PDB file of N, CA and C in Angstrom:
ATOM      1  N   UNK A   1     -13.665   4.092  17.910  1.00  0.00           N
ATOM      2  CA  UNK A   1     -13.545   2.682  18.206  1.00  0.00           C
ATOM      3  C   UNK A   1     -12.666   2.501  19.426  1.00  0.00           C
ATOM      4  N   UNK A   2     -13.005   1.547  20.239  1.00  0.00           N
ATOM      5  CA  UNK A   2     -12.224   1.267  21.433  1.00  0.00           C
ATOM      6  C   UNK A   2     -10.900   0.639  21.046  1.00  0.00           C
ATOM      7  N   UNK A   3      -9.804   1.175  21.569  1.00  0.00           N
ATOM      8  CA  UNK A   3      -8.494   0.628  21.261  1.00  0.00           C
ATOM      9  C   UNK A   3      -8.156  -0.585  22.135  1.00  0.00           C
ATOM     10  N   UNK A   4      -8.996  -0.920  23.101  1.00  0.00           N
ATOM     11  CA  UNK A   4      -8.735  -2.067  23.954  1.00  0.00           C
ATOM     12  C   UNK A   4      -9.252  -3.366  23.345  1.00  0.00           C
ATOM     13  N   UNK A   5      -9.799  -3.302  22.166  1.00  0.00           N
ATOM     14  CA  UNK A   5     -10.308  -4.501  21.516  1.00  0.00           C
ATOM     15  C   UNK A   5      -9.173  -5.453  21.192  1.00  0.00           C
ATOM     16  N   UNK A   6      -9.455  -6.740  21.308  1.00  0.00           N
ATOM     17  CA  UNK A   6      -8.507  -7.710  20.791  1.00  0.00           C
ATOM     18  C   UNK A   6      -8.755  -7.843  19.294  1.00  0.00           C
ATOM     19  N   UNK A   7      -7.829  -8.468  18.622  1.00  0.00           N
ATOM     20  CA  UNK A   7      -7.996  -8.713  17.191  1.00  0.00           C
ATOM     21  C   UNK A   7      -9.270  -9.515  16.954  1.00  0.00           C
ATOM     22  N   UNK A   8      -9.478 -10.537  17.768  1.00  0.00           N
ATOM     23  CA  UNK A   8     -10.643 -11.403  17.611  1.00  0.00           C
ATOM     24  C   UNK A   8     -11.952 -10.646  17.828  1.00  0.00           C
ATOM     25  N   UNK A   9     -11.976  -9.740  18.796  1.00  0.00           N
ATOM     26  CA  UNK A   9     -13.180  -8.936  19.040  1.00  0.00           C
ATOM     27  C   UNK A   9     -13.465  -8.008  17.862  1.00  0.00           C
ATOM     28  N   UNK A  10     -12.419  -7.403  17.342  1.00  0.00           N
ATOM     29  CA  UNK A  10     -12.586  -6.499  16.197  1.00  0.00           C
ATOM     30  C   UNK A  10     -13.090  -7.270  14.980  1.00  0.00           C
ATOM     31  N   UNK A  11     -12.533  -8.451  14.748  1.00  0.00           N
ATOM     32  CA  UNK A  11     -12.982  -9.274  13.621  1.00  0.00           C
ATOM     33  C   UNK A  11     -14.434  -9.699  13.794  1.00  0.00           C
ATOM     34  N   UNK A  12     -14.823 -10.043  15.022  1.00  0.00           N
ATOM     35  CA  UNK A  12     -16.207 -10.442  15.280  1.00  0.00           C
ATOM     36  C   UNK A  12     -17.160  -9.279  14.988  1.00  0.00           C
ATOM     37  N   UNK A  13     -16.773  -8.078  15.401  1.00  0.00           N
ATOM     38  CA  UNK A  13     -17.606  -6.904  15.119  1.00  0.00           C
ATOM     39  C   UNK A  13     -17.702  -6.662  13.613  1.00  0.00           C
ATOM     40  N   UNK A  14     -16.584  -6.816  12.926  1.00  0.00           N
ATOM     41  CA  UNK A  14     -16.559  -6.630  11.480  1.00  0.00           C
ATOM     42  C   UNK A  14     -17.450  -7.660  10.781  1.00  0.00           C
ATOM     43  N   UNK A  15     -17.384  -8.904  11.218  1.00  0.00           N
ATOM     44  CA  UNK A  15     -18.223  -9.950  10.640  1.00  0.00           C
ATOM     45  C   UNK A  15     -19.701  -9.668  10.880  1.00  0.00           C
ATOM     46  N   UNK A  16     -20.035  -9.189  12.073  1.00  0.00           N
ATOM     47  CA  UNK A  16     -21.423  -8.850  12.390  1.00  0.00           C
ATOM     48  C   UNK A  16     -21.920  -7.733  11.481  1.00  0.00           C
ATOM     49  N   UNK A  17     -21.097  -6.692  11.321  1.00  0.00           N
ATOM     50  CA  UNK A  17     -21.464  -5.581  10.434  1.00  0.00           C
ATOM     51  C   UNK A  17     -21.697  -6.075   9.003  1.00  0.00           C
ATOM     52  N   UNK A  18     -20.788  -6.904   8.526  1.00  0.00           N
ATOM     53  CA  UNK A  18     -20.910  -7.407   7.156  1.00  0.00           C
ATOM     54  C   UNK A  18     -22.188  -8.229   6.993  1.00  0.00           C
ATOM     55  N   UNK A  19     -22.479  -9.082   7.957  1.00  0.00           N
ATOM     56  CA  UNK A  19     -23.687  -9.905   7.887  1.00  0.00           C
ATOM     57  C   UNK A  19     -24.946  -9.040   7.895  1.00  0.00           C
ATOM     58  N   UNK A  20     -24.959  -8.025   8.740  1.00  0.00           N
ATOM     59  CA  UNK A  20     -26.123  -7.139   8.806  1.00  0.00           C
ATOM     60  C   UNK A  20     -26.334  -6.426   7.477  1.00  0.00           C
ATOM     61  N   UNK A  21     -25.246  -5.978   6.864  1.00  0.00           N
ATOM     62  CA  UNK A  21     -25.365  -5.279   5.583  1.00  0.00           C
ATOM     63  C   UNK A  21     -25.799  -6.241   4.477  1.00  0.00           C
ATOM     64  N   UNK A  22     -25.240  -7.453   4.486  1.00  0.00           N
ATOM     65  CA  UNK A  22     -25.607  -8.439   3.466  1.00  0.00           C
ATOM     66  C   UNK A  22     -27.088  -8.823   3.545  1.00  0.00           C
ATOM     67  N   UNK A  23     -27.616  -8.874   4.756  1.00  0.00           N
ATOM     68  CA  UNK A  23     -29.022  -9.250   4.941  1.00  0.00           C
ATOM     69  C   UNK A  23     -29.968  -8.070   4.785  1.00  0.00           C
ATOM     70  N   UNK A  24     -29.420  -6.887   4.548  1.00  0.00           N
ATOM     71  CA  UNK A  24     -30.259  -5.706   4.381  1.00  0.00           C
ATOM     72  C   UNK A  24     -30.846  -5.188   5.677  1.00  0.00           C
ATOM     73  N   UNK A  25     -30.179  -5.459   6.782  1.00  0.00           N
ATOM     74  CA  UNK A  25     -30.661  -5.049   8.102  1.00  0.00           C
ATOM     75  C   UNK A  25     -30.221  -3.642   8.485  1.00  0.00           C
ATOM     76  N   UNK A  26     -29.408  -3.022   7.662  1.00  0.00           N
ATOM     77  CA  UNK A  26     -28.905  -1.685   7.969  1.00  0.00           C
ATOM     78  C   UNK A  26     -29.703  -0.678   7.152  1.00  0.00           C
ATOM     79  N   UNK A  27     -30.393   0.235   7.835  1.00  0.00           N
ATOM     80  CA  UNK A  27     -31.140   1.265   7.098  1.00  0.00           C
ATOM     81  C   UNK A  27     -30.189   2.121   6.261  1.00  0.00           C
ATOM     82  N   UNK A  28     -30.669   2.592   5.157  1.00  0.00           N
ATOM     83  CA  UNK A  28     -29.862   3.423   4.256  1.00  0.00           C
ATOM     84  C   UNK A  28     -29.242   4.600   5.003  1.00  0.00           C
ATOM     85  N   UNK A  29     -30.008   5.214   5.904  1.00  0.00           N
ATOM     86  CA  UNK A  29     -29.508   6.375   6.646  1.00  0.00           C
ATOM     87  C   UNK A  29     -28.310   6.026   7.527  1.00  0.00           C
ATOM     88  N   UNK A  30     -28.184   4.769   7.938  1.00  0.00           N
ATOM     89  CA  UNK A  30     -27.096   4.354   8.820  1.00  0.00           C
ATOM     90  C   UNK A  30     -25.942   3.710   8.053  1.00  0.00           C
ATOM     91  N   UNK A  31     -26.125   3.484   6.758  1.00  0.00           N
ATOM     92  CA  UNK A  31     -25.127   2.754   5.977  1.00  0.00           C
ATOM     93  C   UNK A  31     -23.759   3.440   5.989  1.00  0.00           C
ATOM     94  N   UNK A  32     -23.696   4.734   5.807  1.00  0.00           N
ATOM     95  CA  UNK A  32     -22.404   5.432   5.782  1.00  0.00           C
ATOM     96  C   UNK A  32     -21.680   5.291   7.119  1.00  0.00           C
ATOM     97  N   UNK A  33     -22.418   5.407   8.220  1.00  0.00           N
ATOM     98  CA  UNK A  33     -21.791   5.247   9.528  1.00  0.00           C
ATOM     99  C   UNK A  33     -21.262   3.833   9.722  1.00  0.00           C
ATOM    100  N   UNK A  34     -22.021   2.846   9.289  1.00  0.00           N
ATOM    101  CA  UNK A  34     -21.592   1.450   9.423  1.00  0.00           C
ATOM    102  C   UNK A  34     -20.376   1.164   8.543  1.00  0.00           C
ATOM    103  N   UNK A  35     -20.340   1.746   7.363  1.00  0.00           N
ATOM    104  CA  UNK A  35     -19.181   1.564   6.495  1.00  0.00           C
ATOM    105  C   UNK A  35     -17.933   2.213   7.091  1.00  0.00           C
ATOM    106  N   UNK A  36     -18.096   3.388   7.709  1.00  0.00           N
ATOM    107  CA  UNK A  36     -16.970   4.035   8.386  1.00  0.00           C
ATOM    108  C   UNK A  36     -16.473   3.170   9.538  1.00  0.00           C
ATOM    109  N   UNK A  37     -17.400   2.626  10.295  1.00  0.00           N
ATOM    110  CA  UNK A  37     -17.038   1.759  11.413  1.00  0.00           C
ATOM    111  C   UNK A  37     -16.288   0.522  10.900  1.00  0.00           C
ATOM    112  N   UNK A  38     -16.772  -0.064   9.809  1.00  0.00           N
ATOM    113  CA  UNK A  38     -16.111  -1.228   9.230  1.00  0.00           C
ATOM    114  C   UNK A  38     -14.703  -0.865   8.766  1.00  0.00           C
ATOM    115  N   UNK A  39     -14.555   0.293   8.155  1.00  0.00           N
ATOM    116  CA  UNK A  39     -13.243   0.740   7.684  1.00  0.00           C
ATOM    117  C   UNK A  39     -12.275   0.896   8.865  1.00  0.00           C
ATOM    118  N   UNK A  40     -12.746   1.447   9.964  1.00  0.00           N
ATOM    119  CA  UNK A  40     -11.906   1.607  11.152  1.00  0.00           C
ATOM    120  C   UNK A  40     -11.500   0.242  11.722  1.00  0.00           C
ATOM    121  N   UNK A  41     -12.434  -0.692  11.740  1.00  0.00           N
ATOM    122  CA  UNK A  41     -12.134  -2.033  12.241  1.00  0.00           C
ATOM    123  C   UNK A  41     -11.105  -2.735  11.352  1.00  0.00           C
ATOM    124  N   UNK A  42     -11.236  -2.576  10.043  1.00  0.00           N
ATOM    125  CA  UNK A  42     -10.274  -3.171   9.116  1.00  0.00           C
ATOM    126  C   UNK A  42      -8.883  -2.592   9.355  1.00  0.00           C
ATOM    127  N   UNK A  43      -8.808  -1.282   9.497  1.00  0.00           N
ATOM    128  CA  UNK A  43      -7.518  -0.632   9.741  1.00  0.00           C
ATOM    129  C   UNK A  43      -6.912  -1.112  11.062  1.00  0.00           C
ATOM    130  N   UNK A  44      -7.735  -1.221  12.094  1.00  0.00           N
ATOM    131  CA  UNK A  44      -7.268  -1.690  13.401  1.00  0.00           C
ATOM    132  C   UNK A  44      -6.722  -3.116  13.288  1.00  0.00           C
ATOM    133  N   UNK A  45      -7.452  -3.991  12.589  1.00  0.00           N
ATOM    134  CA  UNK A  45      -7.015  -5.382  12.425  1.00  0.00           C
ATOM    135  C   UNK A  45      -5.698  -5.449  11.663  1.00  0.00           C
ATOM    136  N   UNK A  46      -5.556  -4.643  10.622  1.00  0.00           N
ATOM    137  CA  UNK A  46      -4.300  -4.619   9.863  1.00  0.00           C
ATOM    138  C   UNK A  46      -3.138  -4.184  10.755  1.00  0.00           C
ATOM    139  N   UNK A  47      -3.372  -3.178  11.588  1.00  0.00           N
ATOM    140  CA  UNK A  47      -2.324  -2.707  12.490  1.00  0.00           C
ATOM    141  C   UNK A  47      -1.915  -3.802  13.477  1.00  0.00           C
ATOM    142  N   UNK A  48      -2.900  -4.496  14.007  1.00  0.00           N
ATOM    143  CA  UNK A  48      -2.604  -5.577  14.953  1.00  0.00           C
ATOM    144  C   UNK A  48      -1.824  -6.699  14.275  1.00  0.00           C
ATOM    145  N   UNK A  49      -2.210  -7.047  13.049  1.00  0.00           N
ATOM    146  CA  UNK A  49      -1.497  -8.092  12.314  1.00  0.00           C
ATOM    147  C   UNK A  49      -0.065  -7.670  11.991  1.00  0.00           C
ATOM    148  N   UNK A  50       0.108  -6.421  11.606  1.00  0.00           N
ATOM    149  CA  UNK A  50       1.441  -5.911  11.298  1.00  0.00           C
ATOM    150  C   UNK A  50       2.330  -5.944  12.539  1.00  0.00           C
ATOM    151  N   UNK A  51       1.774  -5.538  13.675  1.00  0.00           N
ATOM    152  CA  UNK A  51       2.536  -5.555  14.927  1.00  0.00           C
ATOM    153  C   UNK A  51       2.882  -6.991  15.336  1.00  0.00           C
ATOM    154  N   UNK A  52       1.944  -7.893  15.185  1.00  0.00           N
ATOM    155  CA  UNK A  52       2.203  -9.295  15.526  1.00  0.00           C
ATOM    156  C   UNK A  52       3.280  -9.874  14.614  1.00  0.00           C
ATOM    157  N   UNK A  53       3.210  -9.558  13.331  1.00  0.00           N
ATOM    158  CA  UNK A  53       4.209 -10.038  12.382  1.00  0.00           C
ATOM    159  C   UNK A  53       5.596  -9.508  12.739  1.00  0.00           C
ATOM    160  N   UNK A  54       5.680  -8.245  13.098  1.00  0.00           N
ATOM    161  CA  UNK A  54       6.965  -7.659  13.476  1.00  0.00           C
ATOM    162  C   UNK A  54       7.531  -8.353  14.711  1.00  0.00           C
ATOM    163  N   UNK A  55       6.673  -8.659  15.670  1.00  0.00           N
ATOM    164  CA  UNK A  55       7.124  -9.356  16.877  1.00  0.00           C
ATOM    165  C   UNK A  55       7.642 -10.748  16.546  1.00  0.00           C
ATOM    166  N   UNK A  56       6.927 -11.459  15.701  1.00  0.00           N
ATOM    167  CA  UNK A  56       7.349 -12.806  15.310  1.00  0.00           C
ATOM    168  C   UNK A  56       8.677 -12.746  14.554  1.00  0.00           C
ATOM    169  N   UNK A  57       8.811 -11.795  13.652  1.00  0.00           N
ATOM    170  CA  UNK A  57      10.058 -11.659  12.899  1.00  0.00           C
ATOM    171  C   UNK A  57      11.227 -11.357  13.820  1.00  0.00           C
ATOM    172  N   UNK A  58      10.998 -10.547  14.840  1.00  0.00           N
ATOM    173  CA  UNK A  58      12.053 -10.212  15.789  1.00  0.00           C
ATOM    174  C   UNK A  58      12.450 -11.436  16.591  1.00  0.00           C
ATOM    175  N   UNK A  59      11.505 -12.278  16.944  1.00  0.00           N
ATOM    176  CA  UNK A  59      11.810 -13.502  17.684  1.00  0.00           C
ATOM    177  C   UNK A  59      12.584 -14.477  16.796  1.00  0.00           C
ATOM    178  N   UNK A  60      12.139 -14.621  15.555  1.00  0.00           N
ATOM    179  CA  UNK A  60      12.771 -15.580  14.650  1.00  0.00           C
ATOM    180  C   UNK A  60      14.125 -15.100  14.138  1.00  0.00           C
ATOM    181  N   UNK A  61      14.325 -13.805  14.060  1.00  0.00           N
ATOM    182  CA  UNK A  61      15.567 -13.227  13.545  1.00  0.00           C
ATOM    183  C   UNK A  61      16.092 -12.179  14.523  1.00  0.00           C
ATOM    184  N   UNK A  62      16.539 -12.582  15.693  1.00  0.00           N
ATOM    185  CA  UNK A  62      16.963 -11.605  16.722  1.00  0.00           C
ATOM    186  C   UNK A  62      18.175 -10.771  16.323  1.00  0.00           C
ATOM    187  N   UNK A  63      18.981 -11.259  15.415  1.00  0.00           N
ATOM    188  CA  UNK A  63      20.198 -10.537  15.011  1.00  0.00           C
ATOM    189  C   UNK A  63      19.963  -9.578  13.850  1.00  0.00           C
ATOM    190  N   UNK A  64      18.763  -9.604  13.297  1.00  0.00           N
ATOM    191  CA  UNK A  64      18.469  -8.762  12.116  1.00  0.00           C
ATOM    192  C   UNK A  64      18.221  -7.334  12.502  1.00  0.00           C
TER     193      UNK A  64
END
């Protein structure tokens, strides 16, 4: 996965993957790869959220 993705881009890709799977547009042979890709996107989004939260906490509590 590209690390230059923004959070919003990663979420959009994740939503697209989920929609394709829900509609049955993903062939069985490709399902494992798509699930791995979704897992990577979820992990990336969590990391971005954690980093953003840490930045906000540092701004709000500079002496902590």
